[in-house]
Amino acid sequence: MADDDANEDMTPVPLPSSETEDEHRRVRSSNDRDQADEQQGRRNRHNAGYDEAADGPSTPDIERVADE
């Protein structure tokens, strides 16, 4: 019974967010531009490192193999 009284006094409070609404809109807009560039086959400097990070570094071209 004491637990029921304590629960009635509790009011839900949203968790604090480190991201403001303006920041959220800015990030969303940036992501939309990046996706549009990618869909149209355009490379942009902002995303240049993401592909390598996701896919791993490209394999170097091998010119010649020497048998030692």
C-alpha atoms as a PDB file:
ATOM      1  CA  MET A   1       0.000   0.000   0.000  1.00  0.00           C
ATOM      2  CA  ALA A   2       2.822   2.393   0.769  1.00  0.00           C
ATOM      3  CA  ASP A   3       4.298   1.636  -2.679  1.00  0.00           C
ATOM      4  CA  ASP A   4       1.020   2.599  -4.376  1.00  0.00           C
ATOM      5  CA  ASP A   5       1.016   6.006  -2.646  1.00  0.00           C
ATOM      6  CA  ALA A   6       4.634   6.621  -3.696  1.00  0.00           C
ATOM      7  CA  ASN A   7       3.911   5.725  -7.337  1.00  0.00           C
ATOM      8  CA  GLU A   8       0.972   8.141  -7.505  1.00  0.00           C
ATOM      9  CA  ASP A   9       3.271  11.060  -6.651  1.00  0.00           C
ATOM     10  CA  MET A  10       5.730  10.218  -9.445  1.00  0.00           C
ATOM     11  CA  THR A  11       5.455  12.301 -12.576  1.00  0.00           C
ATOM     12  CA  PRO A  12       7.169  11.074 -15.741  1.00  0.00           C
ATOM     13  CA  VAL A  13       9.938  13.407 -16.832  1.00  0.00           C
ATOM     14  CA  PRO A  14      11.501  13.193 -20.295  1.00  0.00           C
ATOM     15  CA  LEU A  15      15.174  12.330 -20.393  1.00  0.00           C
ATOM     16  CA  PRO A  16      17.391  15.321 -21.114  1.00  0.00           C
ATOM     17  CA  SER A  17      18.613  15.489 -24.672  1.00  0.00           C
ATOM     18  CA  SER A  18      21.946  16.832 -25.754  1.00  0.00           C
ATOM     19  CA  GLU A  19      20.434  17.725 -29.125  1.00  0.00           C
ATOM     20  CA  THR A  20      18.213  20.759 -29.570  1.00  0.00           C
ATOM     21  CA  GLU A  21      15.452  20.897 -32.183  1.00  0.00           C
ATOM     22  CA  ASP A  22      17.571  23.236 -34.326  1.00  0.00           C
ATOM     23  CA  GLU A  23      20.521  20.843 -34.135  1.00  0.00           C
ATOM     24  CA  HIS A  24      18.250  17.936 -35.035  1.00  0.00           C
ATOM     25  CA  ARG A  25      16.982  19.813 -38.130  1.00  0.00           C
ATOM     26  CA  ARG A  26      20.546  20.715 -39.161  1.00  0.00           C
ATOM     27  CA  VAL A  27      21.732  17.108 -38.892  1.00  0.00           C
ATOM     28  CA  ARG A  28      18.648  15.805 -40.722  1.00  0.00           C
ATOM     29  CA  SER A  29      19.158  18.324 -43.529  1.00  0.00           C
ATOM     30  CA  SER A  30      22.824  17.375 -43.850  1.00  0.00           C
ATOM     31  CA  ASN A  31      21.919  13.676 -43.993  1.00  0.00           C
ATOM     32  CA  ASP A  32      19.293  14.340 -46.673  1.00  0.00           C
ATOM     33  CA  ARG A  33      21.864  16.200 -48.825  1.00  0.00           C
ATOM     34  CA  ASP A  34      24.409  13.402 -48.349  1.00  0.00           C
ATOM     35  CA  GLN A  35      21.866  10.748 -49.361  1.00  0.00           C
ATOM     36  CA  ALA A  36      20.816  12.735 -52.450  1.00  0.00           C
ATOM     37  CA  ASP A  37      24.476  13.071 -53.491  1.00  0.00           C
ATOM     38  CA  GLU A  38      25.034   9.345 -53.023  1.00  0.00           C
ATOM     39  CA  GLN A  39      21.897   8.396 -54.985  1.00  0.00           C
ATOM     40  CA  GLN A  40      23.029  10.612 -57.870  1.00  0.00           C
ATOM     41  CA  GLY A  41      26.526   9.144 -57.824  1.00  0.00           C
ATOM     42  CA  ARG A  42      28.197  12.345 -56.667  1.00  0.00           C
ATOM     43  CA  ARG A  43      31.038  12.136 -54.189  1.00  0.00           C
ATOM     44  CA  ASN A  44      31.373  14.837 -51.601  1.00  0.00           C
ATOM     45  CA  ARG A  45      34.182  15.679 -49.227  1.00  0.00           C
ATOM     46  CA  HIS A  46      31.934  15.298 -46.184  1.00  0.00           C
ATOM     47  CA  ASN A  47      31.362  11.585 -46.842  1.00  0.00           C
ATOM     48  CA  ALA A  48      34.776  10.755 -48.295  1.00  0.00           C
ATOM     49  CA  GLY A  49      36.026   8.799 -45.265  1.00  0.00           C
ATOM     50  CA  TYR A  50      32.802   6.975 -44.446  1.00  0.00           C
ATOM     51  CA  ASP A  51      32.956   4.514 -47.343  1.00  0.00           C
ATOM     52  CA  GLU A  52      36.499   3.456 -46.492  1.00  0.00           C
ATOM     53  CA  ALA A  53      35.599   3.176 -42.808  1.00  0.00           C
ATOM     54  CA  ALA A  54      32.615   0.973 -43.652  1.00  0.00           C
ATOM     55  CA  ASP A  55      34.239  -1.098 -46.417  1.00  0.00           C
ATOM     56  CA  GLY A  56      37.822  -1.095 -45.220  1.00  0.00           C
ATOM     57  CA  PRO A  57      40.796   0.246 -47.152  1.00  0.00           C
ATOM     58  CA  SER A  58      40.961  -0.624 -50.846  1.00  0.00           C
ATOM     59  CA  THR A  59      43.249  -3.441 -51.924  1.00  0.00           C
ATOM     60  CA  PRO A  60      46.428  -2.168 -53.589  1.00  0.00           C
ATOM     61  CA  ASP A  61      47.053  -3.085 -57.226  1.00  0.00           C
ATOM     62  CA  ILE A  62      49.810  -5.685 -57.503  1.00  0.00           C
ATOM     63  CA  GLU A  63      52.184  -4.958 -60.381  1.00  0.00           C
ATOM     64  CA  ARG A  64      54.395  -7.982 -60.135  1.00  0.00           C
ATOM     65  CA  VAL A  65      54.826 -11.004 -57.925  1.00  0.00           C
ATOM     66  CA  ALA A  66      58.395 -12.150 -57.415  1.00  0.00           C
ATOM     67  CA  ASP A  67      59.107 -15.735 -56.475  1.00  0.00           C
ATOM     68  CA  GLU A  68      61.798 -15.692 -53.814  1.00  0.00           C
END
